[in-house]
Amino acid sequence: MSTDLAVASDVPQFGILSYRQMWLGSQVAHRGGRMAGEHDRSRTDPFAGQSPDTARDYSRAPSDLSTALPADQVRPLDGQQARYRLAFVAMEVPGLPAVVTIGPVEITQQAGPNWTQHTYIRQRPGWRPHYDKTMHQGYLQVGQGLQLTLAELPVVVPRSQPIQGAFAQWRDQVLAAVSILVALLDERVAQRELLEDLIVYDSTGSRPWAAVDTGVRIRDFLPKKRVLSQQRQLLAQLATFDLSHERAELGAGRWYLRAVQSGPTPDAVVFLWIAMEALAPPTSKADSRTQVQRVEEALTEAGLALDQLELSVGRLAGLRADVVHKGMEQPELLYAGFYELEALARLLLRHRLGLDQGAWPLTPSDSMLRPELQGVERWLRDRPRRRCSA
């Protein structure tokens, strides 16, 4: 059975081998004097006035996963103007200006639907990674009958480098701008994220040119895993689990889930650290141990040898401080720290819930096969694909 990894209108996941929805649009002319609630279709439907069968080149992606050196790759979209967009389900706010500008981000309210494109990515179980990609191209309506808040950031497709990093930065900037508006007013302005896309212009900056796919935080799981008898026994025990009482494990589990669904982001680092703090609380008001000491002792109690960590708990606490106190969006240890924190939070959660014996490996990339079969698995997974022609 295949596992859905991404739906284009959902919050992006993490990794390198999957894609998100992209859409194109034309230059938007702002009309002065319009207030929120008056519908400007040129924003929600960038292709307004164009035929749905307009010829477009969907094959050219500035973020392709080619093994060629960046300088050797021919990417016609490099340096072209684009608009990064995030849309949210919202409540209409009377009196809101037609365009709210926060730095370079432009925020408007529109009546749904919004026209966009969906891309579905599914990873299949098996001996080697296998992905199915389905693109729903053309006019696809999202948010019919809803009030939308649309945030747009004018950008330029980066030259000679993958777009993944730039996409993450654009997303962080737009979310920061929306958060400022929400703090000034309240969360009725942006209640739930609806879609994320990119509008790329031609060289004149006046008309749609190409739909772009990009890999944005879709996790590449080791596919050869299955639920075995020991996991089925643990699952059977959970049938009588009591969710009605307040327990630190339940709150920590929700923080943990938010983090792993977000992927290696600054927010996820904070979520995972909060989860670990919840699972390593002070024993009393007189407990003078630092947060780092409490987490270290909890990990030791869970059976972890601290000298086996690639990043010490102290360095992970420093990563959290860089995000929270210094506002770093791309700290040096972001990816390594996220995966380490993820495994540690998972270990503590399992230990506190009594699920640490017989669960899957702490790291999703670790194999469950017997040692004598792991070499065969690596060979099947890593061997080059061959195609025979007649």
Protein backbone atom coordinates (compact mmCIF):
# COMPACT_ATOMS: atom_id res chain seq x y z
CA MET A 1 0.00 0.00 0.00
CA SER A 2 1.38 3.42 -0.92
CA THR A 3 1.78 6.19 1.58
CA ASP A 4 0.79 9.74 0.68
CA LEU A 5 3.67 12.04 1.49
CA ALA A 6 2.47 15.36 0.20
CA VAL A 7 -0.62 17.16 -0.92
CA ALA A 8 0.19 20.42 -2.58
CA SER A 9 -2.20 22.52 -0.57
CA ASP A 10 -0.88 21.19 2.72
CA VAL A 11 2.05 22.33 4.85
CA PRO A 12 5.26 21.15 3.15
CA GLN A 13 7.16 18.17 4.46
CA PHE A 14 10.88 17.62 4.26
CA GLY A 15 13.64 15.89 2.29
CA ILE A 16 14.99 16.09 -1.25
CA LEU A 17 13.18 13.71 -3.59
CA SER A 18 9.68 15.09 -3.87
CA TYR A 19 7.82 18.04 -5.21
CA ARG A 20 5.35 20.75 -4.31
CA GLN A 21 2.69 22.43 -6.36
CA MET A 22 3.70 25.38 -8.47
CA TRP A 23 1.66 27.79 -10.49
CA LEU A 24 2.21 30.68 -12.79
CA GLY A 25 0.66 34.08 -12.99
CA SER A 26 0.75 37.44 -14.65
CA GLN A 27 1.88 40.76 -13.26
CA VAL A 28 -0.65 42.18 -10.82
CA ALA A 29 -1.63 45.83 -11.12
CA HIS A 30 -2.74 47.27 -7.77
CA ARG A 31 -5.89 49.33 -7.92
CA GLY A 32 -5.94 52.19 -5.46
CA GLY A 33 -8.92 52.83 -3.24
CA ARG A 34 -10.18 49.25 -3.08
CA MET A 35 -10.93 47.95 0.42
CA ALA A 36 -10.79 44.39 1.72
CA GLY A 37 -13.61 42.18 0.54
CA GLU A 38 -13.77 43.62 -2.99
CA HIS A 39 -12.70 40.78 -5.26
CA ASP A 40 -9.61 41.26 -7.44
CA ARG A 41 -9.49 38.09 -9.50
CA SER A 42 -6.06 38.92 -10.93
CA ARG A 43 -4.52 37.84 -7.64
CA THR A 44 -6.49 34.66 -6.93
CA ASP A 45 -6.52 33.70 -10.61
CA PRO A 46 -3.20 34.72 -12.16
CA PHE A 47 -4.30 33.21 -15.49
CA ALA A 48 -7.49 35.26 -15.72
CA GLY A 49 -8.15 36.02 -19.37
CA GLN A 50 -5.88 33.27 -20.69
CA SER A 51 -7.03 30.04 -22.28
CA PRO A 52 -6.55 26.97 -20.07
CA ASP A 53 -4.76 25.21 -22.94
CA THR A 54 -2.10 27.92 -23.25
CA ALA A 55 1.17 26.18 -24.14
CA ARG A 56 3.56 26.02 -21.19
CA ASP A 57 6.82 24.21 -20.63
CA TYR A 58 6.54 22.12 -17.47
CA SER A 59 9.92 20.43 -17.86
CA ARG A 60 12.25 23.27 -16.93
CA ALA A 61 12.89 23.45 -13.22
CA PRO A 62 15.56 25.67 -11.67
CA SER A 63 15.81 23.20 -8.79
CA ASP A 64 16.30 20.00 -10.73
CA LEU A 65 18.17 17.20 -8.99
CA SER A 66 20.73 16.75 -11.75
CA THR A 67 24.18 15.57 -10.67
CA ALA A 68 25.83 18.09 -12.96
CA LEU A 69 27.70 20.95 -11.39
CA PRO A 70 25.46 24.03 -10.92
CA ALA A 71 27.63 26.03 -13.30
CA ASP A 72 27.13 23.38 -16.01
CA GLN A 73 23.35 23.20 -15.73
CA VAL A 74 21.25 25.06 -18.29
CA ARG A 75 18.29 26.55 -16.42
CA PRO A 76 16.36 29.11 -18.47
CA LEU A 77 14.37 30.38 -15.50
CA ASP A 78 17.43 31.56 -13.58
CA GLY A 79 17.23 35.24 -12.74
CA GLN A 80 13.60 35.62 -13.79
CA GLN A 81 11.03 37.47 -11.71
CA ALA A 82 8.56 35.46 -9.67
CA ARG A 83 6.06 35.80 -6.85
CA TYR A 84 6.01 33.40 -3.90
CA ARG A 85 2.51 33.03 -2.45
CA LEU A 86 0.93 31.69 0.73
CA ALA A 87 -2.84 31.68 1.12
CA PHE A 88 -4.79 31.26 4.35
CA VAL A 89 -8.40 30.63 5.22
CA ALA A 90 -9.49 33.81 7.00
CA MET A 91 -12.39 35.91 8.22
CA GLU A 92 -13.22 39.06 6.29
CA VAL A 93 -11.82 42.15 8.00
CA PRO A 94 -13.83 45.28 7.09
CA GLY A 95 -11.70 48.38 6.64
CA LEU A 96 -8.50 46.53 5.91
CA PRO A 97 -6.56 48.33 3.14
CA ALA A 98 -6.65 46.71 -0.28
CA VAL A 99 -2.95 45.87 0.01
CA VAL A 100 -1.15 45.69 3.35
CA THR A 101 2.60 45.99 2.80
CA ILE A 102 4.97 44.65 5.46
CA GLY A 103 8.47 45.05 4.14
CA PRO A 104 8.48 43.42 0.70
CA VAL A 105 5.45 41.22 1.47
CA GLU A 106 2.05 42.25 0.09
CA ILE A 107 -1.03 40.94 1.92
CA THR A 108 -4.56 41.09 0.53
CA GLN A 109 -7.93 39.57 1.33
CA GLN A 110 -9.89 37.84 -1.42
CA ALA A 111 -13.03 35.79 -1.82
CA GLY A 112 -12.23 32.20 -2.78
CA PRO A 113 -11.56 30.22 -4.80
CA ASN A 114 -7.90 30.57 -5.64
CA TRP A 115 -6.51 28.97 -8.78
CA THR A 116 -3.46 26.81 -8.26
CA GLN A 117 -1.98 23.39 -9.06
CA HIS A 118 -1.75 20.23 -6.96
CA THR A 119 1.13 17.78 -6.98
CA TYR A 120 0.78 14.48 -5.15
CA ILE A 121 3.85 12.47 -4.16
CA ARG A 122 3.61 8.92 -2.84
CA GLN A 123 6.48 6.76 -1.68
CA ARG A 124 5.95 3.02 -2.07
CA PRO A 125 7.24 0.36 0.33
CA GLY A 126 9.84 -2.00 -1.09
CA TRP A 127 13.55 -2.67 -1.32
CA ARG A 128 14.47 0.66 -2.89
CA PRO A 129 12.88 4.12 -2.85
CA HIS A 130 10.10 4.41 -5.42
CA TYR A 131 7.98 7.53 -5.86
CA ASP A 132 4.77 8.18 -7.76
CA LYS A 133 4.17 11.77 -8.81
CA THR A 134 0.85 13.08 -10.09
CA MET A 135 0.49 16.68 -11.22
CA HIS A 136 -2.96 18.23 -11.50
CA GLN A 137 -2.18 20.90 -14.05
CA GLY A 138 -4.42 23.64 -15.30
CA TYR A 139 -7.07 25.55 -13.44
CA LEU A 140 -7.65 23.97 -10.03
CA GLN A 141 -9.90 25.84 -7.60
CA VAL A 142 -9.01 25.87 -3.90
CA GLY A 143 -11.08 27.55 -1.20
CA GLN A 144 -14.44 27.77 -2.94
CA GLY A 145 -16.86 29.75 -0.74
CA LEU A 146 -14.13 30.80 1.72
CA GLN A 147 -12.58 34.13 2.57
CA LEU A 148 -8.85 34.05 1.88
CA THR A 149 -5.84 36.07 2.95
CA LEU A 150 -3.15 35.99 0.28
CA ALA A 151 0.45 36.93 1.09
CA GLU A 152 2.84 37.50 -1.82
CA LEU A 153 6.59 38.08 -1.93
CA PRO A 154 8.28 39.34 -5.14
CA VAL A 155 11.38 37.21 -5.69
CA VAL A 156 13.95 36.35 -8.32
CA VAL A 157 14.67 32.73 -9.22
CA PRO A 158 18.20 32.15 -7.85
CA ARG A 159 21.02 31.62 -10.32
CA SER A 160 23.07 28.43 -10.40
CA GLN A 161 21.87 27.06 -7.10
CA PRO A 162 18.99 24.82 -6.00
CA ILE A 163 15.82 26.69 -5.19
CA GLN A 164 15.05 24.62 -2.07
CA GLY A 165 16.99 26.89 0.28
CA ALA A 166 15.52 30.03 -1.24
CA PHE A 167 12.02 28.56 -1.04
CA ALA A 168 12.42 27.92 2.69
CA GLN A 169 13.66 31.48 3.24
CA TRP A 170 10.76 32.95 1.26
CA ARG A 171 8.34 30.93 3.32
CA ASP A 172 9.89 32.10 6.59
CA GLN A 173 9.77 35.74 5.49
CA VAL A 174 6.13 35.56 4.46
CA LEU A 175 5.10 33.75 7.64
CA ALA A 176 6.94 36.36 9.68
CA ALA A 177 5.09 39.18 7.88
CA VAL A 178 1.73 37.46 8.39
CA SER A 179 2.54 36.94 12.08
CA ILE A 180 3.15 40.67 12.48
CA LEU A 181 -0.25 41.45 10.95
CA VAL A 182 -1.91 38.84 13.18
CA ALA A 183 -0.19 40.30 16.26
CA LEU A 184 -1.39 43.80 15.31
CA LEU A 185 -4.97 42.63 14.68
CA ASP A 186 -5.72 39.01 15.60
CA GLU A 187 -5.70 35.53 14.08
CA ARG A 188 -8.93 35.97 12.13
CA VAL A 189 -6.64 37.34 9.41
CA ALA A 190 -4.90 33.97 8.90
CA GLN A 191 -6.65 31.02 10.51
CA ARG A 192 -5.34 28.06 8.50
CA GLU A 193 -2.82 27.68 5.70
CA LEU A 194 -4.47 26.68 2.45
CA LEU A 195 -1.88 26.68 -0.31
CA GLU A 196 1.67 27.56 -1.22
CA ASP A 197 2.87 28.21 -4.76
CA LEU A 198 5.25 30.13 -6.98
CA ILE A 199 4.31 32.37 -9.91
CA VAL A 200 7.12 32.73 -12.48
CA TYR A 201 7.11 35.40 -15.19
CA ASP A 202 8.68 35.38 -18.60
CA SER A 203 11.72 37.52 -19.39
CA THR A 204 9.50 40.58 -19.82
CA GLY A 205 7.98 40.11 -16.37
CA SER A 206 4.47 40.43 -17.82
CA ARG A 207 3.07 36.95 -18.57
CA PRO A 208 3.21 33.35 -17.29
CA TRP A 209 6.04 31.26 -18.66
CA ALA A 210 6.57 27.86 -17.00
CA ALA A 211 5.36 25.73 -14.11
CA VAL A 212 8.18 24.78 -11.77
CA ASP A 213 8.56 21.75 -9.50
CA THR A 214 10.77 21.97 -6.48
CA GLY A 215 11.82 19.62 -3.71
CA VAL A 216 10.69 21.08 -0.38
CA ARG A 217 11.05 19.06 2.81
CA ILE A 218 9.54 15.76 1.70
CA ARG A 219 11.18 13.03 3.72
CA ASP A 220 12.91 10.16 1.97
CA PHE A 221 11.99 7.17 4.14
CA LEU A 222 13.76 3.83 4.11
CA PRO A 223 10.93 1.92 2.41
CA LYS A 224 11.63 -1.68 3.50
CA LYS A 225 9.89 -1.60 6.87
CA ARG A 226 6.83 -3.39 8.15
CA VAL A 227 4.99 -3.84 11.43
CA LEU A 228 6.26 -7.07 13.01
CA SER A 229 4.91 -9.19 15.84
CA GLN A 230 6.65 -7.18 18.57
CA GLN A 231 5.16 -3.93 17.27
CA ARG A 232 1.73 -5.54 16.98
CA GLN A 233 1.99 -6.51 20.66
CA LEU A 234 2.75 -2.89 21.59
CA LEU A 235 -0.16 -1.66 19.49
CA ALA A 236 -2.47 -4.11 21.26
CA GLN A 237 -1.41 -2.67 24.63
CA LEU A 238 -2.43 0.82 23.50
CA ALA A 239 -6.09 -0.20 23.22
CA THR A 240 -6.54 0.51 26.95
CA PHE A 241 -4.38 3.64 27.08
CA ASP A 242 -5.99 6.39 29.17
CA LEU A 243 -6.08 9.73 27.34
CA SER A 244 -8.46 11.40 29.78
CA HIS A 245 -5.91 12.45 32.43
CA GLU A 246 -3.42 15.28 32.12
CA ARG A 247 0.03 13.83 31.60
CA ALA A 248 3.27 15.43 30.46
CA GLU A 249 3.66 12.70 27.86
CA LEU A 250 0.49 13.79 26.03
CA GLY A 251 1.54 17.41 25.68
CA ALA A 252 5.07 16.37 24.75
CA GLY A 253 3.65 14.04 22.13
CA ARG A 254 1.73 16.88 20.49
CA TRP A 255 4.85 19.08 20.39
CA TYR A 256 6.83 16.17 18.98
CA LEU A 257 4.21 15.56 16.27
CA ARG A 258 4.18 19.20 15.22
CA ALA A 259 7.96 19.12 14.94
CA VAL A 260 8.35 15.97 12.88
CA GLN A 261 5.61 17.11 10.51
CA SER A 262 7.37 20.47 10.06
CA GLY A 263 10.76 18.95 9.21
CA PRO A 264 14.15 20.62 9.78
CA THR A 265 12.93 24.14 10.46
CA PRO A 266 13.72 26.60 13.26
CA ASP A 267 10.21 26.13 14.63
CA ALA A 268 10.68 22.36 14.81
CA VAL A 269 13.88 22.75 16.83
CA VAL A 270 11.94 24.71 19.45
CA PHE A 271 9.04 22.23 19.43
CA LEU A 272 11.38 19.28 20.00
CA TRP A 273 13.23 21.02 22.81
CA ILE A 274 9.93 21.84 24.53
CA ALA A 275 8.91 18.18 24.18
CA MET A 276 12.15 17.04 25.83
CA GLU A 277 11.75 19.59 28.63
CA ALA A 278 8.25 18.27 29.28
CA LEU A 279 9.65 14.73 29.51
CA ALA A 280 12.47 15.75 31.87
CA PRO A 281 10.73 18.03 34.43
CA PRO A 282 12.16 19.24 37.76
CA THR A 283 11.54 16.79 40.57
CA SER A 284 10.66 19.58 43.03
CA LYS A 285 10.84 23.34 43.52
CA ALA A 286 14.25 22.83 45.09
CA ASP A 287 15.58 21.03 41.99
CA SER A 288 18.59 23.14 41.00
CA ARG A 289 19.56 21.17 37.90
CA THR A 290 19.72 23.05 34.60
CA GLN A 291 17.50 22.08 31.69
CA VAL A 292 20.49 20.45 30.01
CA GLN A 293 21.29 18.39 33.10
CA ARG A 294 17.71 17.23 33.48
CA VAL A 295 17.52 16.16 29.83
CA GLU A 296 20.87 14.39 30.04
CA GLU A 297 19.80 12.42 33.12
CA ALA A 298 16.47 11.51 31.51
CA LEU A 299 18.27 10.23 28.41
CA THR A 300 20.66 8.20 30.54
CA GLU A 301 17.72 6.71 32.42
CA ALA A 302 16.19 5.78 29.05
CA GLY A 303 19.33 3.76 28.26
CA LEU A 304 21.28 6.18 26.07
CA ALA A 305 25.06 6.55 26.40
CA LEU A 306 25.63 10.30 26.12
CA ASP A 307 29.11 9.83 24.63
CA GLN A 308 27.44 8.25 21.57
CA LEU A 309 25.72 11.51 20.60
CA GLU A 310 27.07 13.31 17.55
CA LEU A 311 25.88 16.58 19.07
CA SER A 312 25.89 16.96 22.84
CA VAL A 313 22.76 18.01 24.66
CA GLY A 314 24.52 21.28 25.47
CA ARG A 315 25.09 22.01 21.76
CA LEU A 316 21.47 21.19 21.03
CA ALA A 317 20.43 23.63 23.74
CA GLY A 318 22.67 26.19 22.07
CA LEU A 319 20.92 25.57 18.74
CA ARG A 320 17.59 26.21 20.42
CA ALA A 321 19.00 29.44 21.92
CA ASP A 322 20.24 30.57 18.49
CA VAL A 323 16.69 30.21 17.15
CA VAL A 324 14.80 31.67 20.11
CA HIS A 325 17.12 34.43 21.33
CA LYS A 326 19.10 35.36 18.20
CA GLY A 327 16.33 34.85 15.67
CA MET A 328 18.49 32.70 13.37
CA GLU A 329 16.49 31.22 10.50
CA GLN A 330 19.24 29.00 9.07
CA PRO A 331 21.67 28.19 11.90
CA GLU A 332 24.65 26.07 10.97
CA LEU A 333 23.45 23.00 12.92
CA LEU A 334 19.81 23.20 11.80
CA TYR A 335 19.62 19.92 9.90
CA ALA A 336 22.00 17.86 12.03
CA GLY A 337 20.44 19.25 15.19
CA PHE A 338 16.88 18.58 14.04
CA TYR A 339 17.52 14.90 13.32
CA GLU A 340 19.37 14.46 16.62
CA LEU A 341 16.62 16.19 18.59
CA GLU A 342 13.98 14.14 16.78
CA ALA A 343 15.61 10.86 17.81
CA LEU A 344 16.13 12.00 21.41
CA ALA A 345 12.56 13.24 21.82
CA ARG A 346 11.29 9.98 20.33
CA LEU A 347 13.45 8.00 22.79
CA LEU A 348 12.20 9.93 25.83
CA LEU A 349 8.58 9.71 24.72
CA ARG A 350 8.78 5.97 24.17
CA HIS A 351 10.51 5.48 27.53
CA ARG A 352 7.93 7.49 29.47
CA LEU A 353 5.11 5.60 27.73
CA GLY A 354 6.74 2.21 28.28
CA LEU A 355 7.08 1.60 24.53
CA ASP A 356 10.86 1.50 24.22
CA GLN A 357 11.17 -2.29 23.87
CA GLY A 358 10.24 -3.57 20.43
CA ALA A 359 9.51 -0.27 18.70
CA TRP A 360 10.93 0.67 15.33
CA PRO A 361 14.50 2.09 15.21
CA LEU A 362 14.83 5.61 16.61
CA THR A 363 16.14 6.91 13.28
CA PRO A 364 13.81 6.31 10.29
CA SER A 365 16.82 5.64 8.03
CA ASP A 366 17.98 2.70 10.19
CA SER A 367 17.21 -0.74 8.79
CA MET A 368 15.15 -3.38 10.59
CA LEU A 369 16.73 -6.27 8.66
CA ARG A 370 19.03 -8.82 10.21
CA PRO A 371 22.70 -7.84 9.80
CA GLU A 372 23.38 -10.56 7.21
CA LEU A 373 20.70 -9.07 4.93
CA GLN A 374 21.58 -5.40 5.24
CA GLY A 375 24.25 -5.59 2.54
CA VAL A 376 21.71 -7.00 0.09
CA GLU A 377 19.33 -4.17 0.94
CA ARG A 378 22.00 -1.51 0.29
CA TRP A 379 22.88 -3.13 -3.04
CA LEU A 380 19.27 -3.20 -4.20
CA ARG A 381 18.67 0.35 -3.05
CA ASP A 382 21.84 1.93 -4.48
CA ARG A 383 22.43 0.05 -7.73
CA PRO A 384 21.93 2.21 -10.82
CA ARG A 385 18.76 1.78 -12.83
CA ARG A 386 19.12 0.22 -16.25
CA ARG A 387 16.75 0.44 -19.16
CA CYS A 388 16.84 -2.00 -22.04
CA SER A 389 15.92 -0.74 -25.48
CA ALA A 390 14.85 -2.88 -28.39
